[in-house]
C-alpha atoms as a PDB file:
ATOM      1  CA  MET A   1      42.440 -23.359  74.364  1.00  0.00           C
ATOM      2  CA  PHE A   2      38.808 -24.972  72.909  1.00  0.00           C
ATOM      3  CA  LYS A   3      38.347 -28.283  73.453  1.00  0.00           C
ATOM      4  CA  ARG A   4      36.136 -30.028  70.963  1.00  0.00           C
ATOM      5  CA  PRO A   5      33.264 -32.184  72.847  1.00  0.00           C
ATOM      6  CA  SER A   6      33.780 -36.081  72.757  1.00  0.00           C
ATOM      7  CA  PRO A   7      31.435 -38.067  70.900  1.00  0.00           C
ATOM      8  CA  PRO A   8      28.962 -39.441  72.403  1.00  0.00           C
ATOM      9  CA  SER A   9      29.483 -43.216  73.631  1.00  0.00           C
ATOM     10  CA  THR A  10      26.367 -44.485  72.158  1.00  0.00           C
ATOM     11  CA  PRO A  11      24.761 -43.710  69.057  1.00  0.00           C
ATOM     12  CA  PRO A  12      21.718 -41.685  69.320  1.00  0.00           C
ATOM     13  CA  VAL A  13      18.308 -43.250  68.874  1.00  0.00           C
ATOM     14  CA  SER A  14      16.100 -42.136  65.955  1.00  0.00           C
ATOM     15  CA  THR A  15      12.545 -41.835  66.735  1.00  0.00           C
ATOM     16  CA  PRO A  16      10.123 -44.670  64.244  1.00  0.00           C
ATOM     17  CA  LEU A  17       7.159 -42.841  64.782  1.00  0.00           C
ATOM     18  CA  VAL A  18       8.585 -39.731  62.250  1.00  0.00           C
ATOM     19  CA  GLN A  19       5.720 -38.988  59.495  1.00  0.00           C
ATOM     20  CA  ALA A  20       6.853 -39.164  55.801  1.00  0.00           C
ATOM     21  CA  VAL A  21       6.933 -35.782  54.286  1.00  0.00           C
ATOM     22  CA  GLU A  22       4.447 -35.279  51.833  1.00  0.00           C
ATOM     23  CA  ARG A  23       5.933 -34.894  48.203  1.00  0.00           C
ATOM     24  CA  ILE A  24       5.149 -34.398  44.634  1.00  0.00           C
ATOM     25  CA  THR A  25       4.827 -37.707  42.643  1.00  0.00           C
ATOM     26  CA  SER A  26       3.301 -36.378  39.412  1.00  0.00           C
ATOM     27  CA  VAL A  27       3.841 -32.896  37.647  1.00  0.00           C
ATOM     28  CA  LEU A  28       1.562 -31.080  34.856  1.00  0.00           C
ATOM     29  CA  GLY A  29       4.131 -29.028  33.261  1.00  0.00           C
ATOM     30  CA  PRO A  30       3.856 -25.427  31.945  1.00  0.00           C
ATOM     31  CA  GLY A  31       2.410 -25.213  28.468  1.00  0.00           C
ATOM     32  CA  VAL A  32       0.436 -27.729  28.868  1.00  0.00           C
ATOM     33  CA  ILE A  33      -3.259 -27.519  29.037  1.00  0.00           C
ATOM     34  CA  TRP A  34      -5.442 -30.453  30.645  1.00  0.00           C
ATOM     35  CA  GLU A  35      -9.187 -31.114  30.929  1.00  0.00           C
ATOM     36  CA  GLY A  36     -10.414 -33.591  33.363  1.00  0.00           C
ATOM     37  CA  LYS A  37     -10.156 -35.296  36.781  1.00  0.00           C
ATOM     38  CA  ILE A  38      -7.583 -35.617  38.997  1.00  0.00           C
ATOM     39  CA  SER A  39      -7.852 -38.087  42.026  1.00  0.00           C
ATOM     40  CA  GLY A  40      -6.319 -40.564  43.764  1.00  0.00           C
ATOM     41  CA  ALA A  41      -3.202 -40.310  46.702  1.00  0.00           C
ATOM     42  CA  GLY A  42      -0.042 -38.701  46.101  1.00  0.00           C
ATOM     43  CA  GLY A  43       1.300 -35.297  45.601  1.00  0.00           C
ATOM     44  CA  VAL A  44       0.545 -33.013  42.373  1.00  0.00           C
ATOM     45  CA  ARG A  45       2.018 -30.215  41.165  1.00  0.00           C
ATOM     46  CA  ILE A  46       0.405 -27.966  38.514  1.00  0.00           C
ATOM     47  CA  GLU A  47       2.459 -25.615  36.578  1.00  0.00           C
ATOM     48  CA  GLY A  48       0.289 -25.563  33.372  1.00  0.00           C
ATOM     49  CA  THR A  49      -3.353 -25.027  32.917  1.00  0.00           C
ATOM     50  CA  PHE A  50      -6.207 -27.351  34.213  1.00  0.00           C
ATOM     51  CA  GLU A  51     -10.001 -27.399  34.189  1.00  0.00           C
ATOM     52  CA  GLY A  52     -12.126 -30.003  35.625  1.00  0.00           C
ATOM     53  CA  GLN A  53     -12.198 -31.739  38.890  1.00  0.00           C
ATOM     54  CA  ILE A  54      -9.766 -32.702  41.703  1.00  0.00           C
ATOM     55  CA  ALA A  55      -9.982 -34.949  44.449  1.00  0.00           C
ATOM     56  CA  LEU A  56      -6.863 -35.849  46.270  1.00  0.00           C
ATOM     57  CA  ARG A  57      -5.570 -37.526  48.914  1.00  0.00           C
ATOM     58  CA  GLY A  58      -2.364 -35.804  49.324  1.00  0.00           C
ATOM     59  CA  LEU A  59      -0.537 -32.886  48.433  1.00  0.00           C
ATOM     60  CA  LEU A  60      -1.659 -30.540  45.661  1.00  0.00           C
ATOM     61  CA  VAL A  61       0.611 -27.288  44.559  1.00  0.00           C
ATOM     62  CA  ILE A  62      -0.562 -24.864  42.163  1.00  0.00           C
ATOM     63  CA  GLY A  63       2.573 -23.158  40.914  1.00  0.00           C
ATOM     64  CA  GLU A  64       3.266 -19.643  39.617  1.00  0.00           C
ATOM     65  CA  SER A  65       2.400 -20.593  36.322  1.00  0.00           C
ATOM     66  CA  GLY A  66      -0.484 -22.645  37.092  1.00  0.00           C
ATOM     67  CA  ARG A  67      -4.084 -22.240  36.115  1.00  0.00           C
ATOM     68  CA  VAL A  68      -6.365 -23.729  37.770  1.00  0.00           C
ATOM     69  CA  THR A  69     -10.298 -23.329  36.946  1.00  0.00           C
ATOM     70  CA  CYS A  70     -12.327 -26.259  39.104  1.00  0.00           C
ATOM     71  CA  GLU A  71     -15.980 -25.950  40.617  1.00  0.00           C
ATOM     72  CA  ASN A  72     -14.560 -27.666  44.267  1.00  0.00           C
ATOM     73  CA  ILE A  73     -11.028 -28.463  44.741  1.00  0.00           C
ATOM     74  CA  ARG A  74     -10.394 -31.255  47.654  1.00  0.00           C
ATOM     75  CA  ALA A  75      -7.008 -32.208  49.030  1.00  0.00           C
ATOM     76  CA  ASN A  76      -5.394 -32.521  52.264  1.00  0.00           C
ATOM     77  CA  THR A  77      -2.918 -29.970  51.620  1.00  0.00           C
ATOM     78  CA  VAL A  78      -2.906 -27.104  49.213  1.00  0.00           C
ATOM     79  CA  ILE A  79      -0.382 -24.565  48.183  1.00  0.00           C
ATOM     80  CA  VAL A  80      -1.729 -21.562  45.818  1.00  0.00           C
ATOM     81  CA  ALA A  81       1.490 -19.649  44.037  1.00  0.00           C
ATOM     82  CA  GLY A  82      -0.602 -19.301  41.001  1.00  0.00           C
ATOM     83  CA  ALA A  83      -4.227 -18.706  40.462  1.00  0.00           C
ATOM     84  CA  VAL A  84      -7.162 -20.475  41.109  1.00  0.00           C
ATOM     85  CA  LYS A  85     -10.640 -20.328  40.473  1.00  0.00           C
ATOM     86  CA  GLY A  86     -13.002 -22.492  42.280  1.00  0.00           C
ATOM     87  CA  ASN A  87     -13.831 -23.490  45.972  1.00  0.00           C
ATOM     88  CA  ILE A  88     -11.134 -24.976  48.237  1.00  0.00           C
ATOM     89  CA  THR A  89     -11.959 -27.762  50.892  1.00  0.00           C
ATOM     90  CA  ALA A  90      -8.266 -28.747  52.315  1.00  0.00           C
ATOM     91  CA  GLN A  91      -6.782 -29.833  55.951  1.00  0.00           C
ATOM     92  CA  LYS A  92      -4.362 -26.947  55.332  1.00  0.00           C
ATOM     93  CA  LEU A  93      -4.501 -24.170  52.901  1.00  0.00           C
ATOM     94  CA  GLU A  94      -1.276 -21.784  51.943  1.00  0.00           C
ATOM     95  CA  ILE A  95      -1.498 -18.876  49.841  1.00  0.00           C
ATOM     96  CA  ARG A  96       1.588 -17.429  48.701  1.00  0.00           C
ATOM     97  CA  ALA A  97       2.734 -14.137  47.677  1.00  0.00           C
ATOM     98  CA  THR A  98       1.825 -14.758  43.880  1.00  0.00           C
ATOM     99  CA  GLY A  99      -1.054 -16.398  44.691  1.00  0.00           C
ATOM    100  CA  ARG A 100      -4.602 -15.619  43.734  1.00  0.00           C
ATOM    101  CA  VAL A 101      -7.855 -17.663  44.569  1.00  0.00           C
ATOM    102  CA  TRP A 102     -11.488 -16.720  43.445  1.00  0.00           C
ATOM    103  CA  GLY A 103     -13.723 -19.034  45.741  1.00  0.00           C
ATOM    104  CA  ASP A 104     -14.778 -19.966  48.834  1.00  0.00           C
ATOM    105  CA  VAL A 105     -12.545 -21.501  51.030  1.00  0.00           C
ATOM    106  CA  VAL A 106     -13.143 -24.231  54.386  1.00  0.00           C
ATOM    107  CA  THR A 107     -10.117 -25.430  56.060  1.00  0.00           C
ATOM    108  CA  THR A 108      -8.856 -26.274  59.297  1.00  0.00           C
ATOM    109  CA  SER A 109      -4.891 -24.399  58.891  1.00  0.00           C
ATOM    110  CA  PHE A 110      -4.467 -21.283  57.086  1.00  0.00           C
ATOM    111  CA  ILE A 111      -1.503 -19.583  55.908  1.00  0.00           C
ATOM    112  CA  THR A 112      -0.524 -16.507  53.850  1.00  0.00           C
ATOM    113  CA  GLU A 113       2.099 -14.187  52.767  1.00  0.00           C
ATOM    114  CA  GLU A 114       1.900 -10.629  51.880  1.00  0.00           C
ATOM    115  CA  GLY A 115       0.451  -9.996  48.824  1.00  0.00           C
ATOM    116  CA  ALA A 116      -1.743 -13.006  48.341  1.00  0.00           C
ATOM    117  CA  PHE A 117      -5.221 -12.513  46.957  1.00  0.00           C
ATOM    118  CA  LEU A 118      -8.227 -14.214  48.125  1.00  0.00           C
ATOM    119  CA  ARG A 119     -11.904 -13.235  46.880  1.00  0.00           C
ATOM    120  CA  GLY A 120     -14.455 -15.186  48.750  1.00  0.00           C
ATOM    121  CA  GLN A 121     -15.827 -16.247  51.819  1.00  0.00           C
ATOM    122  CA  MET A 122     -13.110 -17.957  54.365  1.00  0.00           C
ATOM    123  CA  ARG A 123     -14.534 -20.792  56.870  1.00  0.00           C
ATOM    124  CA  MET A 124     -12.374 -22.229  59.205  1.00  0.00           C
ATOM    125  CA  GLU A 125     -12.755 -25.576  61.026  1.00  0.00           C
ATOM    126  CA  ASP A 126     -11.871 -28.353  63.956  1.00  0.00           C
ATOM    127  CA  HIS A 127     -12.100 -30.690  61.429  1.00  0.00           C
ATOM    128  CA  VAL A 128     -12.824 -30.799  57.602  1.00  0.00           C
ATOM    129  CA  GLU A 129     -14.392 -33.666  55.612  1.00  0.00           C
ATOM    130  CA  LEU A 130     -12.711 -34.303  52.488  1.00  0.00           C
ATOM    131  CA  ASP A 131     -15.135 -36.779  51.266  1.00  0.00           C
ATOM    132  CA  LEU A 132     -12.322 -38.468  49.042  1.00  0.00           C
ATOM    133  CA  GLY A 133     -13.940 -42.195  49.633  1.00  0.00           C
ATOM    134  CA  PRO A 134     -11.803 -44.986  51.199  1.00  0.00           C
ATOM    135  CA  GLU A 135      -8.095 -45.311  51.437  1.00  0.00           C
ATOM    136  CA  PRO A 136      -6.778 -46.858  48.300  1.00  0.00           C
ATOM    137  CA  GLU A 137      -5.260 -50.045  48.582  1.00  0.00           C
ATOM    138  CA  SER A 138      -1.234 -50.546  48.136  1.00  0.00           C
ATOM    139  CA  ARG A 139      -0.862 -52.439  44.490  1.00  0.00           C
ATOM    140  CA  PRO A 140       2.045 -54.904  44.141  1.00  0.00           C
ATOM    141  CA  PRO A 141       4.751 -53.924  41.923  1.00  0.00           C
ATOM    142  CA  PHE A 142       4.040 -54.403  38.475  1.00  0.00           C
ATOM    143  CA  GLU A 143       5.099 -57.957  37.229  1.00  0.00           C
ATOM    144  CA  PRO A 144       5.054 -58.878  33.562  1.00  0.00           C
ATOM    145  CA  PRO A 145       2.653 -61.592  32.277  1.00  0.00           C
ATOM    146  CA  SER A 146       4.328 -65.140  32.545  1.00  0.00           C
ATOM    147  CA  THR A 147       4.771 -66.872  29.283  1.00  0.00           C
END
């Protein structure tokens, strides 16, 4: 009664121009308190407490237990599910339902969930300059010194 479609004679061709999904490469865990500077390239998730400077070429996630105090956060993508006290400059900003932001925001893309909190000014731009400096050079894998 029902016929299963026959498989295609040629395998589907995948597109080589698929963008890599941004992913987390470093985590500041819950219970950790850190003061300092986060910079470079990659994805960072903060579940603990951080105070200092953030200039990141990549994804920054402030988890539900994360607490960040930073004069200016600069990153390609910022997702806030915890609390941020400071200004945010990002190409894309997402404030989740549990997210709280006290500071001004400059972004090209803004997403929010019901229940999210923002106290500050919001400025939407066509293009956001993050001033993160030159692209980092890719380093060869670590090789131990020869003896």
